[in-house]
PDB file of N, CA and C in Angstrom:
ATOM      1  N   UNK A   1       2.738 -18.891  45.182  1.00  0.00           N
ATOM      2  CA  UNK A   1       4.036 -19.290  44.673  1.00  0.00           C
ATOM      3  C   UNK A   1       4.623 -18.104  43.905  1.00  0.00           C
ATOM      4  N   UNK A   2       5.805 -17.724  44.215  1.00  0.00           N
ATOM      5  CA  UNK A   2       6.427 -16.570  43.565  1.00  0.00           C
ATOM      6  C   UNK A   2       7.187 -17.022  42.316  1.00  0.00           C
ATOM      7  N   UNK A   3       7.645 -16.035  41.564  1.00  0.00           N
ATOM      8  CA  UNK A   3       8.400 -16.323  40.343  1.00  0.00           C
ATOM      9  C   UNK A   3       9.704 -17.036  40.672  1.00  0.00           C
ATOM     10  N   UNK A   4      10.340 -16.626  41.757  1.00  0.00           N
ATOM     11  CA  UNK A   4      11.610 -17.234  42.166  1.00  0.00           C
ATOM     12  C   UNK A   4      11.419 -18.723  42.441  1.00  0.00           C
ATOM     13  N   UNK A   5      10.348 -19.058  43.128  1.00  0.00           N
ATOM     14  CA  UNK A   5      10.117 -20.462  43.465  1.00  0.00           C
ATOM     15  C   UNK A   5       9.775 -21.266  42.214  1.00  0.00           C
ATOM     16  N   UNK A   6       8.991 -20.679  41.305  1.00  0.00           N
ATOM     17  CA  UNK A   6       8.620 -21.434  40.111  1.00  0.00           C
ATOM     18  C   UNK A   6       9.815 -21.610  39.178  1.00  0.00           C
ATOM     19  N   UNK A   7      10.733 -20.640  39.161  1.00  0.00           N
ATOM     20  CA  UNK A   7      11.909 -20.753  38.304  1.00  0.00           C
ATOM     21  C   UNK A   7      12.849 -21.839  38.809  1.00  0.00           C
ATOM     22  N   UNK A   8      12.934 -22.014  40.098  1.00  0.00           N
ATOM     23  CA  UNK A   8      13.817 -23.055  40.631  1.00  0.00           C
ATOM     24  C   UNK A   8      13.200 -24.429  40.477  1.00  0.00           C
ATOM     25  N   UNK A   9      11.887 -24.497  40.267  1.00  0.00           N
ATOM     26  CA  UNK A   9      11.237 -25.791  40.107  1.00  0.00           C
ATOM     27  C   UNK A   9      11.527 -26.395  38.735  1.00  0.00           C
ATOM     28  N   UNK A  10      12.019 -25.585  37.807  1.00  0.00           N
ATOM     29  CA  UNK A  10      12.339 -26.093  36.479  1.00  0.00           C
ATOM     30  C   UNK A  10      13.678 -26.812  36.502  1.00  0.00           C
ATOM     31  N   UNK A  11      13.802 -27.832  35.682  1.00  0.00           N
ATOM     32  CA  UNK A  11      15.110 -28.476  35.586  1.00  0.00           C
ATOM     33  C   UNK A  11      16.006 -27.666  34.657  1.00  0.00           C
ATOM     34  N   UNK A  12      17.225 -28.091  34.425  1.00  0.00           N
ATOM     35  CA  UNK A  12      18.216 -27.326  33.672  1.00  0.00           C
ATOM     36  C   UNK A  12      17.796 -26.995  32.252  1.00  0.00           C
ATOM     37  N   UNK A  13      17.244 -27.961  31.536  1.00  0.00           N
ATOM     38  CA  UNK A  13      16.835 -27.740  30.152  1.00  0.00           C
ATOM     39  C   UNK A  13      15.687 -26.751  30.046  1.00  0.00           C
ATOM     40  N   UNK A  14      14.743 -26.849  30.973  1.00  0.00           N
ATOM     41  CA  UNK A  14      13.610 -25.925  30.952  1.00  0.00           C
ATOM     42  C   UNK A  14      14.043 -24.510  31.307  1.00  0.00           C
ATOM     43  N   UNK A  15      15.010 -24.378  32.201  1.00  0.00           N
ATOM     44  CA  UNK A  15      15.504 -23.044  32.546  1.00  0.00           C
ATOM     45  C   UNK A  15      16.184 -22.395  31.342  1.00  0.00           C
ATOM     46  N   UNK A  16      16.960 -23.176  30.613  1.00  0.00           N
ATOM     47  CA  UNK A  16      17.634 -22.643  29.418  1.00  0.00           C
ATOM     48  C   UNK A  16      16.596 -22.222  28.378  1.00  0.00           C
ATOM     49  N   UNK A  17      15.576 -23.048  28.181  1.00  0.00           N
ATOM     50  CA  UNK A  17      14.523 -22.713  27.224  1.00  0.00           C
ATOM     51  C   UNK A  17      13.781 -21.447  27.646  1.00  0.00           C
ATOM     52  N   UNK A  18      13.531 -21.292  28.945  1.00  0.00           N
ATOM     53  CA  UNK A  18      12.835 -20.101  29.434  1.00  0.00           C
ATOM     54  C   UNK A  18      13.688 -18.856  29.232  1.00  0.00           C
ATOM     55  N   UNK A  19      14.985 -18.956  29.478  1.00  0.00           N
ATOM     56  CA  UNK A  19      15.876 -17.808  29.298  1.00  0.00           C
ATOM     57  C   UNK A  19      15.963 -17.436  27.818  1.00  0.00           C
ATOM     58  N   UNK A  20      16.094 -18.435  26.959  1.00  0.00           N
ATOM     59  CA  UNK A  20      16.165 -18.161  25.517  1.00  0.00           C
ATOM     60  C   UNK A  20      14.870 -17.502  25.046  1.00  0.00           C
ATOM     61  N   UNK A  21      13.741 -18.004  25.535  1.00  0.00           N
ATOM     62  CA  UNK A  21      12.451 -17.418  25.163  1.00  0.00           C
ATOM     63  C   UNK A  21      12.360 -15.975  25.623  1.00  0.00           C
ATOM     64  N   UNK A  22      12.765 -15.711  26.847  1.00  0.00           N
ATOM     65  CA  UNK A  22      12.694 -14.343  27.372  1.00  0.00           C
ATOM     66  C   UNK A  22      13.662 -13.409  26.653  1.00  0.00           C
ATOM     67  N   UNK A  23      14.774 -13.942  26.163  1.00  0.00           N
ATOM     68  CA  UNK A  23      15.715 -13.099  25.428  1.00  0.00           C
ATOM     69  C   UNK A  23      15.255 -12.849  23.990  1.00  0.00           C
ATOM     70  N   UNK A  24      14.641 -13.844  23.370  1.00  0.00           N
ATOM     71  CA  UNK A  24      14.251 -13.708  21.969  1.00  0.00           C
ATOM     72  C   UNK A  24      12.904 -13.025  21.774  1.00  0.00           C
ATOM     73  N   UNK A  25      12.081 -12.999  22.805  1.00  0.00           N
ATOM     74  CA  UNK A  25      10.767 -12.376  22.673  1.00  0.00           C
ATOM     75  C   UNK A  25      10.858 -10.886  22.326  1.00  0.00           C
ATOM     76  N   UNK A  26      11.674 -10.092  23.012  1.00  0.00           N
ATOM     77  CA  UNK A  26      11.778  -8.678  22.612  1.00  0.00           C
ATOM     78  C   UNK A  26      12.365  -8.503  21.206  1.00  0.00           C
ATOM     79  N   UNK A  27      13.286  -9.366  20.826  1.00  0.00           N
ATOM     80  CA  UNK A  27      13.872  -9.280  19.485  1.00  0.00           C
ATOM     81  C   UNK A  27      12.798  -9.552  18.434  1.00  0.00           C
ATOM     82  N   UNK A  28      12.003 -10.584  18.646  1.00  0.00           N
ATOM     83  CA  UNK A  28      10.943 -10.917  17.693  1.00  0.00           C
ATOM     84  C   UNK A  28       9.898  -9.811  17.622  1.00  0.00           C
ATOM     85  N   UNK A  29       9.531  -9.259  18.767  1.00  0.00           N
ATOM     86  CA  UNK A  29       8.544  -8.176  18.769  1.00  0.00           C
ATOM     87  C   UNK A  29       9.072  -6.936  18.063  1.00  0.00           C
ATOM     88  N   UNK A  30      10.339  -6.610  18.307  1.00  0.00           N
ATOM     89  CA  UNK A  30      10.892  -5.416  17.655  1.00  0.00           C
ATOM     90  C   UNK A  30      11.038  -5.637  16.146  1.00  0.00           C
ATOM     91  N   UNK A  31      11.395  -6.849  15.724  1.00  0.00           N
ATOM     92  CA  UNK A  31      11.486  -7.123  14.287  1.00  0.00           C
ATOM     93  C   UNK A  31      10.110  -7.029  13.630  1.00  0.00           C
ATOM     94  N   UNK A  32       9.096  -7.520  14.319  1.00  0.00           N
ATOM     95  CA  UNK A  32       7.736  -7.400  13.800  1.00  0.00           C
ATOM     96  C   UNK A  32       7.304  -5.954  13.688  1.00  0.00           C
ATOM     97  N   UNK A  33       7.660  -5.156  14.681  1.00  0.00           N
ATOM     98  CA  UNK A  33       7.312  -3.736  14.663  1.00  0.00           C
ATOM     99  C   UNK A  33       8.039  -3.012  13.534  1.00  0.00           C
ATOM    100  N   UNK A  34       9.310  -3.336  13.338  1.00  0.00           N
ATOM    101  CA  UNK A  34      10.085  -2.699  12.266  1.00  0.00           C
ATOM    102  C   UNK A  34       9.525  -3.095  10.897  1.00  0.00           C
ATOM    103  N   UNK A  35       9.192  -4.358  10.715  1.00  0.00           N
ATOM    104  CA  UNK A  35       8.652  -4.778   9.417  1.00  0.00           C
ATOM    105  C   UNK A  35       7.286  -4.144   9.167  1.00  0.00           C
ATOM    106  N   UNK A  36       6.466  -4.019  10.201  1.00  0.00           N
ATOM    107  CA  UNK A  36       5.175  -3.346  10.048  1.00  0.00           C
ATOM    108  C   UNK A  36       5.382  -1.884   9.669  1.00  0.00           C
ATOM    109  N   UNK A  37       6.355  -1.234  10.304  1.00  0.00           N
ATOM    110  CA  UNK A  37       6.639   0.170   9.991  1.00  0.00           C
ATOM    111  C   UNK A  37       7.124   0.320   8.548  1.00  0.00           C
ATOM    112  N   UNK A  38       7.934  -0.619   8.077  1.00  0.00           N
ATOM    113  CA  UNK A  38       8.405  -0.555   6.688  1.00  0.00           C
ATOM    114  C   UNK A  38       7.258  -0.723   5.690  1.00  0.00           C
ATOM    115  N   UNK A  39       6.348  -1.630   5.984  1.00  0.00           N
ATOM    116  CA  UNK A  39       5.193  -1.826   5.103  1.00  0.00           C
ATOM    117  C   UNK A  39       4.329  -0.570   5.081  1.00  0.00           C
ATOM    118  N   UNK A  40       4.094   0.012   6.247  1.00  0.00           N
ATOM    119  CA  UNK A  40       3.291   1.238   6.314  1.00  0.00           C
ATOM    120  C   UNK A  40       3.981   2.392   5.582  1.00  0.00           C
ATOM    121  N   UNK A  41       5.294   2.463   5.684  1.00  0.00           N
ATOM    122  CA  UNK A  41       6.033   3.511   4.977  1.00  0.00           C
ATOM    123  C   UNK A  41       5.907   3.315   3.464  1.00  0.00           C
ATOM    124  N   UNK A  42       5.994   2.074   3.011  1.00  0.00           N
ATOM    125  CA  UNK A  42       5.826   1.790   1.588  1.00  0.00           C
ATOM    126  C   UNK A  42       4.439   2.167   1.094  1.00  0.00           C
ATOM    127  N   UNK A  43       3.428   1.876   1.904  1.00  0.00           N
ATOM    128  CA  UNK A  43       2.061   2.264   1.531  1.00  0.00           C
ATOM    129  C   UNK A  43       1.926   3.777   1.475  1.00  0.00           C
ATOM    130  N   UNK A  44       2.555   4.472   2.402  1.00  0.00           N
ATOM    131  CA  UNK A  44       2.500   5.931   2.409  1.00  0.00           C
ATOM    132  C   UNK A  44       3.175   6.504   1.170  1.00  0.00           C
ATOM    133  N   UNK A  45       4.307   5.939   0.802  1.00  0.00           N
ATOM    134  CA  UNK A  45       5.016   6.421  -0.392  1.00  0.00           C
ATOM    135  C   UNK A  45       4.156   6.206  -1.633  1.00  0.00           C
ATOM    136  N   UNK A  46       3.533   5.035  -1.743  1.00  0.00           N
ATOM    137  CA  UNK A  46       2.675   4.776  -2.898  1.00  0.00           C
ATOM    138  C   UNK A  46       1.448   5.676  -2.896  1.00  0.00           C
ATOM    139  N   UNK A  47       0.965   6.007  -1.701  1.00  0.00           N
ATOM    140  CA  UNK A  47      -0.208   6.879  -1.623  1.00  0.00           C
ATOM    141  C   UNK A  47       0.146   8.308  -2.022  1.00  0.00           C
ATOM    142  N   UNK A  48       1.315   8.758  -1.618  1.00  0.00           N
ATOM    143  CA  UNK A  48       1.688  10.138  -1.899  1.00  0.00           C
ATOM    144  C   UNK A  48       2.239  10.323  -3.310  1.00  0.00           C
ATOM    145  N   UNK A  49       2.878   9.298  -3.876  1.00  0.00           N
ATOM    146  CA  UNK A  49       3.453   9.406  -5.222  1.00  0.00           C
ATOM    147  C   UNK A  49       2.994   8.226  -6.073  1.00  0.00           C
ATOM    148  N   UNK A  50       1.693   8.126  -6.365  1.00  0.00           N
ATOM    149  CA  UNK A  50       1.213   6.952  -7.098  1.00  0.00           C
ATOM    150  C   UNK A  50       1.647   6.914  -8.556  1.00  0.00           C
ATOM    151  N   UNK A  51       2.095   8.040  -9.107  1.00  0.00           N
ATOM    152  CA  UNK A  51       2.465   8.035 -10.522  1.00  0.00           C
ATOM    153  C   UNK A  51       3.760   7.266 -10.769  1.00  0.00           C
ATOM    154  N   UNK A  52       4.541   6.999  -9.721  1.00  0.00           N
ATOM    155  CA  UNK A  52       5.781   6.245  -9.891  1.00  0.00           C
ATOM    156  C   UNK A  52       5.568   4.741  -9.777  1.00  0.00           C
ATOM    157  N   UNK A  53       4.361   4.313  -9.441  1.00  0.00           N
ATOM    158  CA  UNK A  53       4.088   2.899  -9.276  1.00  0.00           C
ATOM    159  C   UNK A  53       3.930   2.253 -10.652  1.00  0.00           C
ATOM    160  N   UNK A  54       4.459   1.031 -10.874  1.00  0.00           N
ATOM    161  CA  UNK A  54       4.403   0.408 -12.204  1.00  0.00           C
ATOM    162  C   UNK A  54       2.985   0.278 -12.768  1.00  0.00           C
ATOM    163  N   UNK A  55       2.008  -0.011 -11.908  1.00  0.00           N
ATOM    164  CA  UNK A  55       0.636  -0.164 -12.396  1.00  0.00           C
ATOM    165  C   UNK A  55       0.108   1.167 -12.903  1.00  0.00           C
ATOM    166  N   UNK A  56       0.330   2.234 -12.147  1.00  0.00           N
ATOM    167  CA  UNK A  56      -0.170   3.537 -12.586  1.00  0.00           C
ATOM    168  C   UNK A  56       0.622   4.056 -13.779  1.00  0.00           C
ATOM    169  N   UNK A  57       1.887   3.685 -13.874  1.00  0.00           N
ATOM    170  CA  UNK A  57       2.642   4.065 -15.066  1.00  0.00           C
ATOM    171  C   UNK A  57       2.043   3.406 -16.303  1.00  0.00           C
ATOM    172  N   UNK A  58       1.631   2.153 -16.174  1.00  0.00           N
ATOM    173  CA  UNK A  58       1.015   1.448 -17.302  1.00  0.00           C
ATOM    174  C   UNK A  58      -0.328   2.087 -17.657  1.00  0.00           C
ATOM    175  N   UNK A  59      -1.107   2.466 -16.654  1.00  0.00           N
ATOM    176  CA  UNK A  59      -2.395   3.117 -16.915  1.00  0.00           C
ATOM    177  C   UNK A  59      -2.169   4.448 -17.614  1.00  0.00           C
ATOM    178  N   UNK A  60      -1.173   5.197 -17.147  1.00  0.00           N
ATOM    179  CA  UNK A  60      -0.875   6.486 -17.773  1.00  0.00           C
ATOM    180  C   UNK A  60      -0.427   6.276 -19.221  1.00  0.00           C
ATOM    181  N   UNK A  61       0.357   5.231 -19.447  1.00  0.00           N
ATOM    182  CA  UNK A  61       0.823   4.917 -20.799  1.00  0.00           C
ATOM    183  C   UNK A  61      -0.355   4.589 -21.712  1.00  0.00           C
ATOM    184  N   UNK A  62      -1.303   3.832 -21.208  1.00  0.00           N
ATOM    185  CA  UNK A  62      -2.482   3.482 -21.996  1.00  0.00           C
ATOM    186  C   UNK A  62      -3.351   4.703 -22.262  1.00  0.00           C
ATOM    187  N   UNK A  63      -3.455   5.589 -21.288  1.00  0.00           N
ATOM    188  CA  UNK A  63      -4.302   6.766 -21.479  1.00  0.00           C
ATOM    189  C   UNK A  63      -3.685   7.719 -22.495  1.00  0.00           C
ATOM    190  N   UNK A  64      -2.361   7.774 -22.564  1.00  0.00           N
ATOM    191  CA  UNK A  64      -1.718   8.647 -23.537  1.00  0.00           C
ATOM    192  C   UNK A  64      -1.877   8.090 -24.955  1.00  0.00           C
ATOM    193  N   UNK A  65      -2.048   6.781 -25.090  1.00  0.00           N
ATOM    194  CA  UNK A  65      -2.160   6.170 -26.409  1.00  0.00           C
ATOM    195  C   UNK A  65      -3.595   6.150 -26.920  1.00  0.00           C
ATOM    196  N   UNK A  66      -4.548   6.602 -26.106  1.00  0.00           N
ATOM    197  CA  UNK A  66      -5.945   6.544 -26.526  1.00  0.00           C
ATOM    198  C   UNK A  66      -6.240   7.627 -27.562  1.00  0.00           C
ATOM    199  N   UNK A  67      -7.292   7.461 -28.346  1.00  0.00           N
ATOM    200  CA  UNK A  67      -7.610   8.474 -29.354  1.00  0.00           C
ATOM    201  C   UNK A  67      -8.088   9.791 -28.754  1.00  0.00           C
ATOM    202  N   UNK A  68      -8.532   9.775 -27.499  1.00  0.00           N
ATOM    203  CA  UNK A  68      -9.015  10.991 -26.838  1.00  0.00           C
ATOM    204  C   UNK A  68      -8.273  11.198 -25.517  1.00  0.00           C
ATOM    205  N   UNK A  69      -6.971  11.478 -25.544  1.00  0.00           N
ATOM    206  CA  UNK A  69      -6.223  11.594 -24.294  1.00  0.00           C
ATOM    207  C   UNK A  69      -6.690  12.700 -23.356  1.00  0.00           C
ATOM    208  N   UNK A  70      -7.216  13.840 -23.831  1.00  0.00           N
ATOM    209  CA  UNK A  70      -7.630  14.856 -22.863  1.00  0.00           C
ATOM    210  C   UNK A  70      -8.728  14.373 -21.926  1.00  0.00           C
ATOM    211  N   UNK A  71      -9.596  13.479 -22.404  1.00  0.00           N
ATOM    212  CA  UNK A  71     -10.667  12.987 -21.547  1.00  0.00           C
ATOM    213  C   UNK A  71     -10.114  12.132 -20.422  1.00  0.00           C
ATOM    214  N   UNK A  72      -9.017  11.467 -20.656  1.00  0.00           N
ATOM    215  CA  UNK A  72      -8.452  10.608 -19.626  1.00  0.00           C
ATOM    216  C   UNK A  72      -7.445  11.343 -18.754  1.00  0.00           C
ATOM    217  N   UNK A  73      -6.852  12.378 -19.277  1.00  0.00           N
ATOM    218  CA  UNK A  73      -5.858  13.113 -18.496  1.00  0.00           C
ATOM    219  C   UNK A  73      -6.489  14.162 -17.602  1.00  0.00           C
ATOM    220  N   UNK A  74      -7.668  14.603 -17.924  1.00  0.00           N
ATOM    221  CA  UNK A  74      -8.318  15.618 -17.111  1.00  0.00           C
ATOM    222  C   UNK A  74      -8.958  16.667 -17.983  1.00  0.00           C
ATOM    223  N   UNK A  75      -9.534  17.670 -17.374  1.00  0.00           N
ATOM    224  CA  UNK A  75     -10.225  18.690 -18.155  1.00  0.00           C
ATOM    225  C   UNK A  75      -9.261  19.532 -18.970  1.00  0.00           C
ATOM    226  N   UNK A  76      -9.664  19.850 -20.193  1.00  0.00           N
ATOM    227  CA  UNK A  76      -8.844  20.694 -21.049  1.00  0.00           C
ATOM    228  C   UNK A  76      -8.959  22.154 -20.677  1.00  0.00           C
ATOM    229  N   UNK A  77     -10.128  22.528 -20.146  1.00  0.00           N
ATOM    230  CA  UNK A  77     -10.351  23.915 -19.743  1.00  0.00           C
ATOM    231  C   UNK A  77     -10.663  23.954 -18.256  1.00  0.00           C
ATOM    232  N   UNK A  78     -10.310  25.032 -17.583  1.00  0.00           N
ATOM    233  CA  UNK A  78     -10.650  25.142 -16.157  1.00  0.00           C
ATOM    234  C   UNK A  78     -12.165  25.132 -15.957  1.00  0.00           C
ATOM    235  N   UNK A  79     -12.597  24.499 -14.915  1.00  0.00           N
ATOM    236  CA  UNK A  79     -14.020  24.440 -14.620  1.00  0.00           C
ATOM    237  C   UNK A  79     -14.739  23.283 -15.275  1.00  0.00           C
ATOM    238  N   UNK A  80     -14.067  22.580 -16.138  1.00  0.00           N
ATOM    239  CA  UNK A  80     -14.678  21.447 -16.818  1.00  0.00           C
ATOM    240  C   UNK A  80     -14.186  20.163 -16.174  1.00  0.00           C
ATOM    241  N   UNK A  81     -15.080  19.344 -15.721  1.00  0.00           N
ATOM    242  CA  UNK A  81     -14.682  18.124 -15.024  1.00  0.00           C
ATOM    243  C   UNK A  81     -14.385  17.014 -16.017  1.00  0.00           C
ATOM    244  N   UNK A  82     -13.693  16.029 -15.535  1.00  0.00           N
ATOM    245  CA  UNK A  82     -13.363  14.869 -16.365  1.00  0.00           C
ATOM    246  C   UNK A  82     -14.639  14.151 -16.815  1.00  0.00           C
ATOM    247  N   UNK A  83     -15.613  14.103 -15.898  1.00  0.00           N
ATOM    248  CA  UNK A  83     -16.875  13.444 -16.223  1.00  0.00           C
ATOM    249  C   UNK A  83     -17.582  14.171 -17.371  1.00  0.00           C
ATOM    250  N   UNK A  84     -17.560  15.496 -17.341  1.00  0.00           N
ATOM    251  CA  UNK A  84     -18.202  16.274 -18.403  1.00  0.00           C
ATOM    252  C   UNK A  84     -17.483  16.075 -19.736  1.00  0.00           C
ATOM    253  N   UNK A  85     -16.165  15.996 -19.695  1.00  0.00           N
ATOM    254  CA  UNK A  85     -15.402  15.775 -20.929  1.00  0.00           C
ATOM    255  C   UNK A  85     -15.742  14.414 -21.517  1.00  0.00           C
ATOM    256  N   UNK A  86     -15.774  13.392 -20.683  1.00  0.00           N
ATOM    257  CA  UNK A  86     -16.091  12.042 -21.160  1.00  0.00           C
ATOM    258  C   UNK A  86     -17.521  11.997 -21.685  1.00  0.00           C
ATOM    259  N   UNK A  87     -18.447  12.645 -20.983  1.00  0.00           N
ATOM    260  CA  UNK A  87     -19.843  12.659 -21.421  1.00  0.00           C
ATOM    261  C   UNK A  87     -19.971  13.326 -22.796  1.00  0.00           C
ATOM    262  N   UNK A  88     -19.266  14.428 -22.998  1.00  0.00           N
ATOM    263  CA  UNK A  88     -19.353  15.112 -24.295  1.00  0.00           C
ATOM    264  C   UNK A  88     -18.766  14.249 -25.413  1.00  0.00           C
ATOM    265  N   UNK A  89     -17.701  13.503 -25.112  1.00  0.00           N
ATOM    266  CA  UNK A  89     -17.129  12.618 -26.125  1.00  0.00           C
ATOM    267  C   UNK A  89     -18.084  11.485 -26.474  1.00  0.00           C
ATOM    268  N   UNK A  90     -18.785  10.958 -25.468  1.00  0.00           N
ATOM    269  CA  UNK A  90     -19.753   9.887 -25.716  1.00  0.00           C
ATOM    270  C   UNK A  90     -20.887  10.415 -26.584  1.00  0.00           C
ATOM    271  N   UNK A  91     -21.341  11.634 -26.297  1.00  0.00           N
ATOM    272  CA  UNK A  91     -22.411  12.228 -27.102  1.00  0.00           C
ATOM    273  C   UNK A  91     -21.938  12.439 -28.538  1.00  0.00           C
ATOM    274  N   UNK A  92     -20.703  12.915 -28.711  1.00  0.00           N
ATOM    275  CA  UNK A  92     -20.164  13.125 -30.061  1.00  0.00           C
ATOM    276  C   UNK A  92     -20.079  11.809 -30.830  1.00  0.00           C
ATOM    277  N   UNK A  93     -19.621  10.759 -30.161  1.00  0.00           N
ATOM    278  CA  UNK A  93     -19.528   9.458 -30.831  1.00  0.00           C
ATOM    279  C   UNK A  93     -20.905   8.958 -31.232  1.00  0.00           C
ATOM    280  N   UNK A  94     -21.887   9.191 -30.366  1.00  0.00           N
ATOM    281  CA  UNK A  94     -23.255   8.773 -30.675  1.00  0.00           C
ATOM    282  C   UNK A  94     -23.796   9.498 -31.891  1.00  0.00           C
ATOM    283  N   UNK A  95     -23.497  10.776 -32.009  1.00  0.00           N
ATOM    284  CA  UNK A  95     -23.954  11.551 -33.165  1.00  0.00           C
ATOM    285  C   UNK A  95     -23.259  11.088 -34.443  1.00  0.00           C
ATOM    286  N   UNK A  96     -21.976  10.732 -34.326  1.00  0.00           N
ATOM    287  CA  UNK A  96     -21.229  10.283 -35.503  1.00  0.00           C
ATOM    288  C   UNK A  96     -21.781   8.970 -36.039  1.00  0.00           C
ATOM    289  N   UNK A  97     -22.264   8.120 -35.144  1.00  0.00           N
ATOM    290  CA  UNK A  97     -22.762   6.817 -35.576  1.00  0.00           C
ATOM    291  C   UNK A  97     -24.136   6.919 -36.221  1.00  0.00           C
ATOM    292  N   UNK A  98     -24.881   7.980 -35.901  1.00  0.00           N
ATOM    293  CA  UNK A  98     -26.224   8.133 -36.489  1.00  0.00           C
ATOM    294  C   UNK A  98     -26.138   8.551 -37.881  1.00  0.00           C
TER     295      UNK A  98
END
């Protein structure tokens, strides 16, 4: 049975529904593709510029208000890692408490 024969076997209402479906299917697929592309673009923007995101702005604000901001902002001297800075601050605090 060919497509032509099966299309004529439908009554008037079914033919209209089939035509509407065939016309709206590409529109729905393209809208889905566009919305997916927009979401991916938004993720890319947040990945490339995370400092503009409200959550990271709040984290940055909290780190600037801490008593030891250099440990949270990064190394004060070249070659010194953030982990080493934090470790040295923990050791200093431990000595102060003794």
